[in-house]
PDB file of N, CA and C in Angstrom:
ATOM      1  N   MET A   1       0.848  -1.177   0.000  1.00  0.00           N
ATOM      2  CA  MET A   1       0.000   0.000   0.000  1.00  0.00           C
ATOM      3  C   MET A   1       0.889   1.235   0.000  1.00  0.00           C
ATOM      4  N   ALA A   2       0.651   2.163  -0.890  1.00  0.00           N
ATOM      5  CA  ALA A   2       1.447   3.385  -1.009  1.00  0.00           C
ATOM      6  C   ALA A   2       1.101   4.339   0.131  1.00  0.00           C
ATOM      7  N   PRO A   3       2.092   5.070   0.631  1.00  0.00           N
ATOM      8  CA  PRO A   3       1.797   6.027   1.696  1.00  0.00           C
ATOM      9  C   PRO A   3       0.926   7.164   1.179  1.00  0.00           C
ATOM     10  N   ARG A   4       0.021   7.597   2.012  1.00  0.00           N
ATOM     11  CA  ARG A   4      -0.883   8.677   1.633  1.00  0.00           C
ATOM     12  C   ARG A   4      -0.214  10.018   1.828  1.00  0.00           C
ATOM     13  N   ARG A   5      -0.456  10.899   0.901  1.00  0.00           N
ATOM     14  CA  ARG A   5       0.014  12.267   1.042  1.00  0.00           C
ATOM     15  C   ARG A   5      -1.025  13.028   1.861  1.00  0.00           C
ATOM     16  N   GLN A   6      -0.559  13.738   2.858  1.00  0.00           N
ATOM     17  CA  GLN A   6      -1.464  14.488   3.726  1.00  0.00           C
ATOM     18  C   GLN A   6      -1.987  15.708   2.976  1.00  0.00           C
ATOM     19  N   VAL A   7      -3.282  15.778   2.787  1.00  0.00           N
ATOM     20  CA  VAL A   7      -3.906  16.921   2.139  1.00  0.00           C
ATOM     21  C   VAL A   7      -4.732  17.646   3.188  1.00  0.00           C
ATOM     22  N   ARG A   8      -4.420  18.900   3.394  1.00  0.00           N
ATOM     23  CA  ARG A   8      -5.147  19.692   4.396  1.00  0.00           C
ATOM     24  C   ARG A   8      -6.439  20.225   3.789  1.00  0.00           C
ATOM     25  N   MET A   9      -7.522  20.097   4.543  1.00  0.00           N
ATOM     26  CA  MET A   9      -8.779  20.670   4.089  1.00  0.00           C
ATOM     27  C   MET A   9      -8.936  22.051   4.699  1.00  0.00           C
ATOM     28  N   THR A  10      -9.689  22.872   4.041  1.00  0.00           N
ATOM     29  CA  THR A  10      -9.929  24.219   4.545  1.00  0.00           C
ATOM     30  C   THR A  10     -10.957  24.157   5.673  1.00  0.00           C
ATOM     31  N   PRO A  11     -10.973  25.163   6.529  1.00  0.00           N
ATOM     32  CA  PRO A  11     -11.988  25.193   7.590  1.00  0.00           C
ATOM     33  C   PRO A  11     -13.418  25.186   7.035  1.00  0.00           C
ATOM     34  N   GLU A  12     -13.614  25.799   5.869  1.00  0.00           N
ATOM     35  CA  GLU A  12     -14.954  25.816   5.277  1.00  0.00           C
ATOM     36  C   GLU A  12     -15.371  24.405   4.852  1.00  0.00           C
ATOM     37  N   GLU A  13     -14.448  23.662   4.251  1.00  0.00           N
ATOM     38  CA  GLU A  13     -14.742  22.273   3.876  1.00  0.00           C
ATOM     39  C   GLU A  13     -15.037  21.434   5.116  1.00  0.00           C
ATOM     40  N   ALA A  14     -14.245  21.654   6.154  1.00  0.00           N
ATOM     41  CA  ALA A  14     -14.442  20.905   7.393  1.00  0.00           C
ATOM     42  C   ALA A  14     -15.819  21.186   7.984  1.00  0.00           C
ATOM     43  N   GLN A  15     -16.247  22.433   7.948  1.00  0.00           N
ATOM     44  CA  GLN A  15     -17.572  22.777   8.473  1.00  0.00           C
ATOM     45  C   GLN A  15     -18.677  22.100   7.671  1.00  0.00           C
ATOM     46  N   ARG A  16     -18.513  22.053   6.348  1.00  0.00           N
ATOM     47  CA  ARG A  16     -19.530  21.388   5.518  1.00  0.00           C
ATOM     48  C   ARG A  16     -19.591  19.897   5.804  1.00  0.00           C
ATOM     49  N   ILE A  17     -18.429  19.268   5.975  1.00  0.00           N
ATOM     50  CA  ILE A  17     -18.399  17.833   6.292  1.00  0.00           C
ATOM     51  C   ILE A  17     -19.038  17.581   7.650  1.00  0.00           C
ATOM     52  N   ARG A  18     -18.711  18.420   8.623  1.00  0.00           N
ATOM     53  CA  ARG A  18     -19.297  18.255   9.960  1.00  0.00           C
ATOM     54  C   ARG A  18     -20.809  18.442   9.925  1.00  0.00           C
ATOM     55  N   ALA A  19     -21.288  19.388   9.106  1.00  0.00           N
ATOM     56  CA  ALA A  19     -22.740  19.603   8.985  1.00  0.00           C
ATOM     57  C   ALA A  19     -23.408  18.379   8.361  1.00  0.00           C
ATOM     58  N   GLN A  20     -22.777  17.797   7.346  1.00  0.00           N
ATOM     59  CA  GLN A  20     -23.327  16.590   6.720  1.00  0.00           C
ATOM     60  C   GLN A  20     -23.362  15.439   7.722  1.00  0.00           C
ATOM     61  N   ASP A  21     -22.305  15.332   8.536  1.00  0.00           N
ATOM     62  CA  ASP A  21     -22.256  14.274   9.545  1.00  0.00           C
ATOM     63  C   ASP A  21     -23.329  14.483  10.611  1.00  0.00           C
ATOM     64  N   ALA A  22     -23.499  15.733  11.046  1.00  0.00           N
ATOM     65  CA  ALA A  22     -24.511  16.025  12.066  1.00  0.00           C
ATOM     66  C   ALA A  22     -25.919  15.736  11.557  1.00  0.00           C
ATOM     67  N   ALA A  23     -26.116  15.921  10.253  1.00  0.00           N
ATOM     68  CA  ALA A  23     -27.433  15.645   9.668  1.00  0.00           C
ATOM     69  C   ALA A  23     -27.645  14.155   9.432  1.00  0.00           C
ATOM     70  N   GLY A  24     -26.617  13.334   9.630  1.00  0.00           N
ATOM     71  CA  GLY A  24     -26.740  11.893   9.470  1.00  0.00           C
ATOM     72  C   GLY A  24     -26.638  11.413   8.036  1.00  0.00           C
ATOM     73  N   ARG A  25     -26.072  12.222   7.162  1.00  0.00           N
ATOM     74  CA  ARG A  25     -25.996  11.863   5.746  1.00  0.00           C
ATOM     75  C   ARG A  25     -24.744  11.063   5.394  1.00  0.00           C
ATOM     76  N   LEU A  26     -23.812  10.915   6.324  1.00  0.00           N
ATOM     77  CA  LEU A  26     -22.556  10.206   6.043  1.00  0.00           C
ATOM     78  C   LEU A  26     -22.567   8.832   6.701  1.00  0.00           C
ATOM     79  N   ASP A  27     -21.958   7.870   6.039  1.00  0.00           N
ATOM     80  CA  ASP A  27     -21.895   6.492   6.525  1.00  0.00           C
ATOM     81  C   ASP A  27     -20.681   6.340   7.438  1.00  0.00           C
ATOM     82  N   ARG A  28     -20.916   6.342   8.746  1.00  0.00           N
ATOM     83  CA  ARG A  28     -19.813   6.212   9.702  1.00  0.00           C
ATOM     84  C   ARG A  28     -19.264   4.790   9.769  1.00  0.00           C
ATOM     85  N   GLY A  29     -19.905   3.847   9.133  1.00  0.00           N
ATOM     86  CA  GLY A  29     -19.424   2.473   9.112  1.00  0.00           C
ATOM     87  C   GLY A  29     -18.225   2.279   8.196  1.00  0.00           C
ATOM     88  N   ASP A  30     -18.065   3.149   7.236  1.00  0.00           N
ATOM     89  CA  ASP A  30     -16.952   3.085   6.292  1.00  0.00           C
ATOM     90  C   ASP A  30     -15.718   3.727   6.936  1.00  0.00           C
ATOM     91  N   PRO A  31     -14.602   2.985   7.057  1.00  0.00           N
ATOM     92  CA  PRO A  31     -13.403   3.524   7.724  1.00  0.00           C
ATOM     93  C   PRO A  31     -12.849   4.777   7.033  1.00  0.00           C
ATOM     94  N   GLU A  32     -12.944   4.833   5.718  1.00  0.00           N
ATOM     95  CA  GLU A  32     -12.426   6.000   4.998  1.00  0.00           C
ATOM     96  C   GLU A  32     -13.268   7.240   5.298  1.00  0.00           C
ATOM     97  N   VAL A  33     -14.578   7.079   5.363  1.00  0.00           N
ATOM     98  CA  VAL A  33     -15.468   8.193   5.693  1.00  0.00           C
ATOM     99  C   VAL A  33     -15.230   8.635   7.133  1.00  0.00           C
ATOM    100  N   ARG A  34     -15.051   7.670   8.026  1.00  0.00           N
ATOM    101  CA  ARG A  34     -14.776   7.989   9.423  1.00  0.00           C
ATOM    102  C   ARG A  34     -13.477   8.791   9.551  1.00  0.00           C
ATOM    103  N   ARG A  35     -12.455   8.429   8.747  1.00  0.00           N
ATOM    104  CA  ARG A  35     -11.183   9.157   8.767  1.00  0.00           C
ATOM    105  C   ARG A  35     -11.379  10.601   8.300  1.00  0.00           C
ATOM    106  N   VAL A  36     -12.182  10.789   7.250  1.00  0.00           N
ATOM    107  CA  VAL A  36     -12.444  12.140   6.746  1.00  0.00           C
ATOM    108  C   VAL A  36     -13.199  12.967   7.791  1.00  0.00           C
ATOM    109  N   ILE A  37     -14.150  12.351   8.479  1.00  0.00           N
ATOM    110  CA  ILE A  37     -14.897  13.057   9.523  1.00  0.00           C
ATOM    111  C   ILE A  37     -13.957  13.455  10.662  1.00  0.00           C
ATOM    112  N   GLU A  38     -13.059  12.560  11.056  1.00  0.00           N
ATOM    113  CA  GLU A  38     -12.098  12.885  12.110  1.00  0.00           C
ATOM    114  C   GLU A  38     -11.175  14.018  11.685  1.00  0.00           C
ATOM    115  N   ASP A  39     -10.729  13.994  10.419  1.00  0.00           N
ATOM    116  CA  ASP A  39      -9.902  15.087   9.903  1.00  0.00           C
ATOM    117  C   ASP A  39     -10.669  16.407   9.913  1.00  0.00           C
ATOM    118  N   ALA A  40     -11.938  16.356   9.557  1.00  0.00           N
ATOM    119  CA  ALA A  40     -12.766  17.567   9.562  1.00  0.00           C
ATOM    120  C   ALA A  40     -12.911  18.112  10.979  1.00  0.00           C
ATOM    121  N   ASN A  41     -13.136  17.230  11.940  1.00  0.00           N
ATOM    122  CA  ASN A  41     -13.234  17.674  13.334  1.00  0.00           C
ATOM    123  C   ASN A  41     -11.918  18.289  13.799  1.00  0.00           C
ATOM    124  N   ARG A  42     -10.805  17.642  13.470  1.00  0.00           N
ATOM    125  CA  ARG A  42      -9.492  18.144  13.858  1.00  0.00           C
ATOM    126  C   ARG A  42      -9.216  19.511  13.228  1.00  0.00           C
ATOM    127  N   THR A  43      -9.549  19.648  11.951  1.00  0.00           N
ATOM    128  CA  THR A  43      -9.343  20.915  11.253  1.00  0.00           C
ATOM    129  C   THR A  43     -10.202  22.020  11.859  1.00  0.00           C
ATOM    130  N   SER A  44     -11.434  21.712  12.200  1.00  0.00           N
ATOM    131  CA  SER A  44     -12.322  22.710  12.801  1.00  0.00           C
ATOM    132  C   SER A  44     -11.802  23.171  14.159  1.00  0.00           C
ATOM    133  N   VAL A  45     -11.330  22.242  14.960  1.00  0.00           N
ATOM    134  CA  VAL A  45     -10.802  22.602  16.277  1.00  0.00           C
ATOM    135  C   VAL A  45      -9.546  23.458  16.130  1.00  0.00           C
ATOM    136  N   ARG A  46      -8.653  23.066  15.227  1.00  0.00           N
ATOM    137  CA  ARG A  46      -7.442  23.869  15.016  1.00  0.00           C
ATOM    138  C   ARG A  46      -7.776  25.265  14.531  1.00  0.00           C
ATOM    139  N   ALA A  47      -8.734  25.365  13.621  1.00  0.00           N
ATOM    140  CA  ALA A  47      -9.132  26.679  13.112  1.00  0.00           C
ATOM    141  C   ALA A  47      -9.722  27.530  14.225  1.00  0.00           C
ATOM    142  N   HIS A  48     -10.484  26.905  15.103  1.00  0.00           N
ATOM    143  CA  HIS A  48     -11.084  27.652  16.214  1.00  0.00           C
ATOM    144  C   HIS A  48     -10.025  28.102  17.215  1.00  0.00           C
ATOM    145  N   VAL A  49      -9.088  27.241  17.539  1.00  0.00           N
ATOM    146  CA  VAL A  49      -8.088  27.548  18.561  1.00  0.00           C
ATOM    147  C   VAL A  49      -6.993  28.481  18.041  1.00  0.00           C
ATOM    148  N   TYR A  50      -6.459  28.168  16.860  1.00  0.00           N
ATOM    149  CA  TYR A  50      -5.285  28.880  16.368  1.00  0.00           C
ATOM    150  C   TYR A  50      -5.574  29.923  15.312  1.00  0.00           C
ATOM    151  N   GLY A  51      -6.766  30.018  14.842  1.00  0.00           N
ATOM    152  CA  GLY A  51      -7.093  30.981  13.798  1.00  0.00           C
ATOM    153  C   GLY A  51      -7.416  30.270  12.500  1.00  0.00           C
ATOM    154  N   ARG A  52      -8.180  30.928  11.674  1.00  0.00           N
ATOM    155  CA  ARG A  52      -8.684  30.286  10.464  1.00  0.00           C
ATOM    156  C   ARG A  52      -7.671  30.250   9.332  1.00  0.00           C
ATOM    157  N   ASP A  53      -6.707  31.149   9.314  1.00  0.00           N
ATOM    158  CA  ASP A  53      -5.748  31.169   8.209  1.00  0.00           C
ATOM    159  C   ASP A  53      -4.333  31.362   8.735  1.00  0.00           C
ATOM    160  N   ALA A  54      -3.364  31.341   7.835  1.00  0.00           N
ATOM    161  CA  ALA A  54      -1.957  31.434   8.229  1.00  0.00           C
ATOM    162  C   ALA A  54      -1.657  32.761   8.920  1.00  0.00           C
ATOM    163  N   ALA A  55      -2.255  33.849   8.472  1.00  0.00           N
ATOM    164  CA  ALA A  55      -2.002  35.156   9.092  1.00  0.00           C
ATOM    165  C   ALA A  55      -2.487  35.170  10.546  1.00  0.00           C
ATOM    166  N   ALA A  56      -3.636  34.575  10.800  1.00  0.00           N
ATOM    167  CA  ALA A  56      -4.149  34.521  12.173  1.00  0.00           C
ATOM    168  C   ALA A  56      -3.258  33.643  13.049  1.00  0.00           C
ATOM    169  N   ARG A  57      -2.743  32.539  12.492  1.00  0.00           N
ATOM    170  CA  ARG A  57      -1.844  31.677  13.267  1.00  0.00           C
ATOM    171  C   ARG A  57      -0.542  32.407  13.575  1.00  0.00           C
ATOM    172  N   ARG A  58      -0.029  33.176  12.608  1.00  0.00           N
ATOM    173  CA  ARG A  58       1.192  33.956  12.855  1.00  0.00           C
ATOM    174  C   ARG A  58       0.957  34.992  13.936  1.00  0.00           C
ATOM    175  N   THR A  59      -0.215  35.630  13.914  1.00  0.00           N
ATOM    176  CA  THR A  59      -0.544  36.626  14.922  1.00  0.00           C
ATOM    177  C   THR A  59      -0.603  35.977  16.300  1.00  0.00           C
ATOM    178  N   THR A  60      -1.218  34.821  16.398  1.00  0.00           N
ATOM    179  CA  THR A  60      -1.292  34.108  17.674  1.00  0.00           C
ATOM    180  C   THR A  60       0.100  33.717  18.148  1.00  0.00           C
ATOM    181  N   ARG A  61       0.927  33.194  17.253  1.00  0.00           N
ATOM    182  CA  ARG A  61       2.281  32.792  17.598  1.00  0.00           C
ATOM    183  C   ARG A  61       3.113  33.994  18.032  1.00  0.00           C
ATOM    184  N   THR A  62       2.992  35.104  17.317  1.00  0.00           N
ATOM    185  CA  THR A  62       3.744  36.315  17.657  1.00  0.00           C
ATOM    186  C   THR A  62       3.317  36.836  19.026  1.00  0.00           C
ATOM    187  N   SER A  63       2.023  36.859  19.290  1.00  0.00           N
ATOM    188  CA  SER A  63       1.533  37.318  20.589  1.00  0.00           C
ATOM    189  C   SER A  63       2.076  36.450  21.717  1.00  0.00           C
ATOM    190  N   LEU A  64       2.096  35.149  21.488  1.00  0.00           N
ATOM    191  CA  LEU A  64       2.618  34.233  22.496  1.00  0.00           C
ATOM    192  C   LEU A  64       4.104  34.473  22.739  1.00  0.00           C
ATOM    193  N   LEU A  65       4.874  34.665  21.676  1.00  0.00           N
ATOM    194  CA  LEU A  65       6.309  34.920  21.824  1.00  0.00           C
ATOM    195  C   LEU A  65       6.578  36.245  22.525  1.00  0.00           C
ATOM    196  N   VAL A  66       5.847  37.283  22.182  1.00  0.00           N
ATOM    197  CA  VAL A  66       6.040  38.586  22.821  1.00  0.00           C
ATOM    198  C   VAL A  66       5.686  38.503  24.304  1.00  0.00           C
ATOM    199  N   THR A  67       4.593  37.839  24.625  1.00  0.00           N
ATOM    200  CA  THR A  67       4.180  37.706  26.030  1.00  0.00           C
ATOM    201  C   THR A  67       5.216  36.907  26.827  1.00  0.00           C
ATOM    202  N   THR A  68       5.711  35.816  26.244  1.00  0.00           N
ATOM    203  CA  THR A  68       6.733  35.019  26.924  1.00  0.00           C
ATOM    204  C   THR A  68       8.012  35.816  27.117  1.00  0.00           C
ATOM    205  N   GLY A  69       8.417  36.555  26.101  1.00  0.00           N
ATOM    206  CA  GLY A  69       9.614  37.385  26.207  1.00  0.00           C
ATOM    207  C   GLY A  69       9.471  38.462  27.271  1.00  0.00           C
ATOM    208  N   ALA A  70       8.324  39.103  27.328  1.00  0.00           N
ATOM    209  CA  ALA A  70       8.090  40.143  28.334  1.00  0.00           C
ATOM    210  C   ALA A  70       8.114  39.553  29.743  1.00  0.00           C
ATOM    211  N   ALA A  71       7.516  38.382  29.916  1.00  0.00           N
ATOM    212  CA  ALA A  71       7.526  37.732  31.232  1.00  0.00           C
ATOM    213  C   ALA A  71       8.939  37.340  31.631  1.00  0.00           C
ATOM    214  N   ALA A  72       9.732  36.828  30.681  1.00  0.00           N
ATOM    215  CA  ALA A  72      11.123  36.458  30.985  1.00  0.00           C
ATOM    216  C   ALA A  72      11.943  37.695  31.325  1.00  0.00           C
ATOM    217  N   LEU A  73      11.743  38.789  30.603  1.00  0.00           N
ATOM    218  CA  LEU A  73      12.461  40.031  30.887  1.00  0.00           C
ATOM    219  C   LEU A  73      12.096  40.567  32.265  1.00  0.00           C
ATOM    220  N   PHE A  74      10.822  40.523  32.608  1.00  0.00           N
ATOM    221  CA  PHE A  74      10.384  40.974  33.926  1.00  0.00           C
ATOM    222  C   PHE A  74      10.989  40.114  35.031  1.00  0.00           C
ATOM    223  N   ALA A  75      10.942  38.791  34.860  1.00  0.00           N
ATOM    224  CA  ALA A  75      11.491  37.896  35.878  1.00  0.00           C
ATOM    225  C   ALA A  75      13.003  38.089  36.007  1.00  0.00           C
ATOM    226  N   GLY A  76      13.685  38.273  34.884  1.00  0.00           N
ATOM    227  CA  GLY A  76      15.134  38.517  34.933  1.00  0.00           C
ATOM    228  C   GLY A  76      15.462  39.828  35.625  1.00  0.00           C
ATOM    229  N   GLY A  77      14.705  40.859  35.327  1.00  0.00           N
ATOM    230  CA  GLY A  77      14.920  42.153  35.988  1.00  0.00           C
ATOM    231  C   GLY A  77      14.650  42.079  37.476  1.00  0.00           C
ATOM    232  N   LEU A  78      13.620  41.368  37.850  1.00  0.00           N
ATOM    233  CA  LEU A  78      13.296  41.208  39.274  1.00  0.00           C
ATOM    234  C   LEU A  78      14.393  40.430  39.990  1.00  0.00           C
ATOM    235  N   ALA A  79      14.874  39.365  39.366  1.00  0.00           N
ATOM    236  CA  ALA A  79      15.958  38.586  39.966  1.00  0.00           C
ATOM    237  C   ALA A  79      17.223  39.422  40.075  1.00  0.00           C
ATOM    238  N   LEU A  80      17.545  40.192  39.056  1.00  0.00           N
ATOM    239  CA  LEU A  80      18.727  41.054  39.092  1.00  0.00           C
ATOM    240  C   LEU A  80      18.596  42.101  40.193  1.00  0.00           C
ATOM    241  N   HIS A  81      17.420  42.649  40.353  1.00  0.00           N
ATOM    242  CA  HIS A  81      17.177  43.630  41.411  1.00  0.00           C
ATOM    243  C   HIS A  81      17.465  43.036  42.792  1.00  0.00           C
ATOM    244  N   PHE A  82      16.955  41.841  43.038  1.00  0.00           N
ATOM    245  CA  PHE A  82      17.168  41.222  44.352  1.00  0.00           C
ATOM    246  C   PHE A  82      18.603  40.765  44.533  1.00  0.00           C
ATOM    247  N   LEU A  83      19.273  40.385  43.481  1.00  0.00           N
ATOM    248  CA  LEU A  83      20.687  40.016  43.598  1.00  0.00           C
ATOM    249  C   LEU A  83      21.533  41.226  43.924  1.00  0.00           C
ATOM    250  N   LEU A  84      21.262  42.369  43.309  1.00  0.00           N
ATOM    251  CA  LEU A  84      22.035  43.584  43.584  1.00  0.00           C
ATOM    252  C   LEU A  84      21.652  44.203  44.906  1.00  0.00           C
ATOM    253  N   LEU A  85      20.450  43.973  45.376  1.00  0.00           N
ATOM    254  CA  LEU A  85      19.959  44.522  46.633  1.00  0.00           C
ATOM    255  C   LEU A  85      20.666  43.882  47.823  1.00  0.00           C
ATOM    256  N   THR A  86      21.049  42.616  47.701  1.00  0.00           N
ATOM    257  CA  THR A  86      21.665  41.903  48.822  1.00  0.00           C
ATOM    258  C   THR A  86      23.142  42.271  48.992  1.00  0.00           C
ATOM    259  N   ARG A  87      23.751  42.928  48.051  1.00  0.00           N
ATOM    260  CA  ARG A  87      25.185  43.294  48.157  1.00  0.00           C
ATOM    261  C   ARG A  87      25.392  44.569  48.856  1.00  0.00           C
TER     262      ARG A  87
END
């Protein structure tokens, strides 16, 4: 069996698949259909958590990096303050 190439579905496609599944129009007994439904659910959750497109994901990632950097800078400054205070 040849390895499958991972094809990402768009959030809009995932929503349509999930709607079809919720309406009971898809055969969950078929393993291939079940795999597509699971991929659609995974894609929908990722789109909800991380943003719908690459720009939104970059914005989320940048915000996380800036917040982490600011917290590290604050903690380092606080530690330096207490180290110099004891001398």
